Amino acid sequence: MKKLKVAGVALVALVVLFLGIGLVLPSEVVVTRDIVISAKPEVIFPHLNGPKPLLAWSPWAKRDPNATWTFEGPESGVGAKYSWSGNDDVGTGSQTITAVVQNKRVETSLDFGESGPATAWFELEPQGENTRVIWGLRSELGRPLGGWIGLMMDGFVGKDYEEGLANLKQLVER
């Protein structure tokens, strides 16, 4: 009986410690990746400024050939939106372009349903004849569990962003 009581106290202490650390971890997560592409911003920009061109290089578009994609609003620019529904790798959600600075930046609002909203962006930084493309994600995950999820987000999203940027580079440099 005494061992059971000690185990119970230890378990409660671990839960309190887990939650306590979660309260001091950042509730906002930011993930970014970048790549240098041998092209000017005006060549790359059209691949970022609309849902259909984005799907041509998106790492998620290839993961479920049976996913459904629906499009709303304009073909490109502010208000262009697409929604998707697919397997566990793709999930469900929507993405809407919310702000555009021609040949420099595209911002989007992401809605993943139950897991909440996020903001993503693409920035184009000219570097001579090349362009550095930055792909970023920002999300407010809340506390205390969000802090722990935030620690893992780079691992969840980072590799996908790297794959997508490599696909974009290959597409543009062809």
Protein backbone atom coordinates (compact mmCIF):
# COMPACT_ATOMS: atom_id res chain seq x y z
CA MET A 1 0.00 0.00 0.00
CA LYS A 2 2.85 2.35 0.84
CA LYS A 3 4.46 1.76 -2.60
CA LEU A 4 1.16 2.58 -4.30
CA LYS A 5 0.89 5.83 -2.33
CA VAL A 6 4.48 6.80 -3.26
CA ALA A 7 3.76 6.00 -6.94
CA GLY A 8 0.61 8.13 -6.80
CA VAL A 9 2.46 11.09 -5.28
CA ALA A 10 5.23 10.72 -7.88
CA LEU A 11 2.67 10.66 -10.69
CA VAL A 12 0.94 13.79 -9.39
CA ALA A 13 4.32 15.51 -9.04
CA LEU A 14 5.20 14.63 -12.65
CA VAL A 15 1.87 15.96 -13.94
CA VAL A 16 2.30 19.20 -11.96
CA LEU A 17 5.87 19.54 -13.25
CA PHE A 18 4.74 18.87 -16.85
CA LEU A 19 1.97 21.47 -16.61
CA GLY A 20 4.20 23.96 -14.80
CA ILE A 21 6.87 23.79 -17.49
CA GLY A 22 4.14 24.08 -20.13
CA LEU A 23 3.04 27.35 -18.53
CA VAL A 24 6.47 28.94 -18.98
CA LEU A 25 7.12 27.66 -22.51
CA PRO A 26 6.20 30.09 -25.30
CA SER A 27 2.60 29.72 -26.44
CA GLU A 28 3.43 31.13 -29.89
CA VAL A 29 5.35 29.00 -32.36
CA VAL A 30 7.22 30.25 -35.42
CA VAL A 31 8.72 27.90 -38.00
CA THR A 32 10.72 29.18 -40.98
CA ARG A 33 12.74 27.66 -43.78
CA ASP A 34 14.48 29.31 -46.70
CA ILE A 35 16.15 28.47 -49.99
CA VAL A 36 17.99 30.42 -52.68
CA ILE A 37 16.52 30.06 -56.15
CA SER A 38 18.31 31.05 -59.35
CA ALA A 39 15.58 33.40 -60.56
CA LYS A 40 14.35 36.94 -60.00
CA PRO A 41 11.44 37.56 -57.58
CA GLU A 42 9.05 38.35 -60.44
CA VAL A 43 9.61 34.84 -61.86
CA ILE A 44 8.97 33.13 -58.50
CA PHE A 45 6.11 35.31 -57.25
CA PRO A 46 3.34 33.85 -59.48
CA HIS A 47 4.04 30.40 -57.97
CA LEU A 48 3.21 31.79 -54.50
CA ASN A 49 0.35 34.17 -55.19
CA GLY A 50 -2.44 31.71 -55.93
CA PRO A 51 -3.74 28.35 -54.75
CA LYS A 52 -3.48 26.46 -58.03
CA PRO A 53 0.18 27.37 -58.74
CA LEU A 54 1.02 26.60 -55.11
CA LEU A 55 -0.40 23.08 -55.45
CA ALA A 56 2.06 22.39 -58.27
CA TRP A 57 4.94 22.29 -55.78
CA SER A 58 3.25 21.77 -52.39
CA PRO A 59 4.62 18.79 -50.48
CA TRP A 60 1.09 17.90 -49.33
CA ALA A 61 -0.56 17.84 -52.76
CA LYS A 62 1.36 14.68 -53.70
CA ARG A 63 0.69 12.80 -50.46
CA ASP A 64 -2.92 11.98 -51.25
CA PRO A 65 -3.89 11.65 -54.92
CA ASN A 66 -7.52 11.20 -53.82
CA ALA A 67 -7.67 14.44 -51.80
CA THR A 68 -10.33 16.92 -52.83
CA TRP A 69 -9.38 20.55 -53.48
CA THR A 70 -11.92 23.33 -53.86
CA PHE A 71 -11.20 26.91 -54.89
CA GLU A 72 -13.00 30.15 -54.07
CA GLY A 73 -12.53 33.81 -54.84
CA PRO A 74 -10.04 35.21 -57.32
CA GLU A 75 -7.39 32.99 -58.97
CA SER A 76 -4.61 34.93 -57.25
CA GLY A 77 -4.01 37.71 -54.76
CA VAL A 78 -5.98 38.72 -51.69
CA GLY A 79 -9.10 36.59 -51.25
CA ALA A 80 -7.85 33.61 -53.26
CA LYS A 81 -8.76 30.55 -51.19
CA TYR A 82 -8.55 26.81 -51.37
CA SER A 83 -9.86 24.10 -49.10
CA TRP A 84 -8.81 20.49 -48.91
CA SER A 85 -9.88 17.18 -47.48
CA GLY A 86 -7.64 14.15 -47.61
CA ASN A 87 -6.05 11.26 -45.79
CA ASP A 88 -4.28 11.51 -42.42
CA ASP A 89 -1.13 12.97 -44.05
CA VAL A 90 -3.13 15.79 -45.66
CA GLY A 91 -6.03 16.31 -43.23
CA THR A 92 -8.63 19.00 -43.80
CA GLY A 93 -8.48 22.76 -43.78
CA SER A 94 -8.33 25.90 -45.84
CA GLN A 95 -5.86 28.61 -46.77
CA THR A 96 -6.72 32.15 -47.85
CA ILE A 97 -4.36 34.83 -49.14
CA THR A 98 -4.78 37.84 -46.84
CA ALA A 99 -2.03 40.26 -47.94
CA VAL A 100 0.23 40.70 -50.95
CA VAL A 101 3.18 42.93 -51.71
CA GLN A 102 3.90 42.35 -55.40
CA ASN A 103 7.08 40.30 -55.97
CA LYS A 104 7.99 40.60 -52.25
CA ARG A 105 5.52 38.94 -49.87
CA VAL A 106 2.39 36.79 -49.70
CA GLU A 107 0.59 36.24 -46.38
CA THR A 108 -2.06 33.61 -45.79
CA SER A 109 -4.48 32.57 -43.11
CA LEU A 110 -4.62 28.85 -42.43
CA ASP A 111 -7.56 27.12 -40.80
CA PHE A 112 -7.02 23.54 -39.68
CA GLY A 113 -10.38 23.22 -37.94
CA GLU A 114 -9.97 21.80 -34.45
CA SER A 115 -6.24 22.52 -34.22
CA GLY A 116 -6.89 26.22 -34.73
CA PRO A 117 -5.76 28.98 -37.06
CA ALA A 118 -2.26 29.91 -38.16
CA THR A 119 -0.59 32.50 -40.35
CA ALA A 120 1.85 31.56 -43.09
CA TRP A 121 3.92 33.74 -45.36
CA PHE A 122 6.40 33.78 -48.20
CA GLU A 123 9.06 36.47 -48.48
CA LEU A 124 11.21 37.09 -51.53
CA GLU A 125 14.61 38.72 -50.97
CA PRO A 126 16.58 39.56 -54.12
CA GLN A 127 20.23 38.48 -54.03
CA GLY A 128 21.75 39.60 -57.33
CA GLU A 129 20.42 37.25 -60.02
CA ASN A 130 19.03 34.94 -57.31
CA THR A 131 16.23 35.19 -54.77
CA ARG A 132 16.08 33.96 -51.21
CA VAL A 133 12.59 32.54 -50.58
CA ILE A 134 11.50 32.34 -46.94
CA TRP A 135 8.47 30.24 -45.97
CA GLY A 136 7.16 30.85 -42.47
CA LEU A 137 4.38 29.77 -40.13
CA ARG A 138 3.15 31.42 -36.94
CA SER A 139 0.54 30.00 -34.60
CA GLU A 140 -0.73 30.75 -31.12
CA LEU A 141 -1.07 27.36 -29.42
CA GLY A 142 -2.14 28.38 -25.93
CA ARG A 143 -0.97 27.00 -22.61
CA PRO A 144 -0.02 24.72 -20.96
CA LEU A 145 -0.10 21.99 -23.64
CA GLY A 146 0.55 24.40 -26.51
CA GLY A 147 4.05 25.11 -25.24
CA TRP A 148 4.93 21.45 -25.50
CA ILE A 149 3.36 21.18 -28.97
CA GLY A 150 5.33 24.27 -29.97
CA LEU A 151 8.57 22.47 -29.12
CA MET A 152 7.65 19.79 -31.66
CA MET A 153 6.24 22.02 -34.43
CA ASP A 154 9.58 22.62 -36.12
CA GLY A 155 9.94 18.86 -36.48
CA PHE A 156 6.34 18.51 -37.70
CA VAL A 157 6.44 21.29 -40.29
CA GLY A 158 10.10 22.03 -41.01
CA LYS A 159 10.81 19.00 -43.20
CA ASP A 160 7.63 19.65 -45.21
CA TYR A 161 8.69 23.26 -45.78
CA GLU A 162 12.15 22.10 -46.89
CA GLU A 163 10.58 19.61 -49.32
CA GLY A 164 8.18 22.22 -50.67
CA LEU A 165 10.91 24.81 -51.20
CA ALA A 166 13.07 22.22 -52.98
CA ASN A 167 10.08 21.42 -55.22
CA LEU A 168 9.58 25.14 -55.90
CA LYS A 169 13.26 25.58 -56.74
CA GLN A 170 13.17 22.65 -59.14
CA LEU A 171 9.99 23.95 -60.79
CA VAL A 172 11.25 27.52 -61.22
CA GLU A 173 14.79 26.64 -62.30
CA ARG A 174 13.60 24.20 -65.00
